[in-house]
């Protein structure tokens, strides 16, 4: 049974929900740097009947022994590369093309956004590495065929693909560490699972000492995370993302659910992986897969009881996801409080701890 088949009827109109959740965000509220240390960011706690304002390092005071934290351990790859056109016989050409590598579709063949776009059959050079444009995908991405495995060379030729709203300038070195979670392990994302950016090794050690279980899955975040909904929600196309959940992790989550212990998802990407793998009863299945899941209000979230997440873009799929998770009215109240309370938004901003509508209380 699919996630959509378990939806409650009637569902709220997602376009109307998105309109009701719309808000104006002053540009200065978009965080350009992360808190230092990472766990000094603010944490809004959104429960059933209350909103509280905490600091992220106080998270252990809100959790308890036996809780299960599930992280996305995907690592951001240096996927932004400035390529060049080949020089023509007459000595012209050699202009630059900005390449955002999305993922390896098959051996040595990558999907990528090119700016400006190139027709099939054209040749590009990424450093000393040749690629040929062999096709165009429905969303406008190009297929690039390399002569060899490009992955070992990305650290040398590429930069981290920071979100377009971060004014990073030319300094790439500091972002190589700051735009990764401290537990990132599996390379493959083109955007960080940003809810995890608030954790420090010290905070993780305190959670371990408390008796909180920590488990990790992988969902490689795609470029679609940057895309706002520009038309009707029904017409929005979700990009496919690959995920993997081990047998050990699935068993730990399922055991916690049976025993009535809380499962806390760190980030919307973790929610998407869990819900993509779950049966109608919320049992998580291990394995690897590809997901285009679009979690909308009226579609029940079955696995996590709590969600740690950042403050999202108006008009985004993620805003609809958190409304589906916590309830529209609760999210409207939380975002109103965030705007009044000078919270910082987006990837490097502050965090929320959300209670699932109908789930265990905080």
Foldseek 3Di string as FASTA:
>chain_A
DALVVLFFPPFPFQVVLLVVLDDDDDLVLADQAFDVVLQQFKAWEFFDPDIDIGTSLCVVVVAFALEEEEEAQEWFFLQWFWKFFDQDPVRDGRDTKIWGWFFAPDFQKTWIAIVVDDDFQGWIQQDPWIWGFHAADPVGTTIIHTPHDCRVCRVPGGAQQEAPSHPPPPDGVVCNPQQEAPNHDHYRASHYLQLRSSDDPVSVVVCVVRNYHYHYWHKHHGPQQNDFDDDRPVPDFFDKIKIFDAPVRLVSQQVSVVVVHAYEYRHPSSLQQQSRQADSQSRGDGGMDIDRDQQAASRARHGHFKYKYFADDRRHSVLRNVCNFANSVSSSVVVVCCSVVSWRGDRSTHIYIGGGVVGDTD
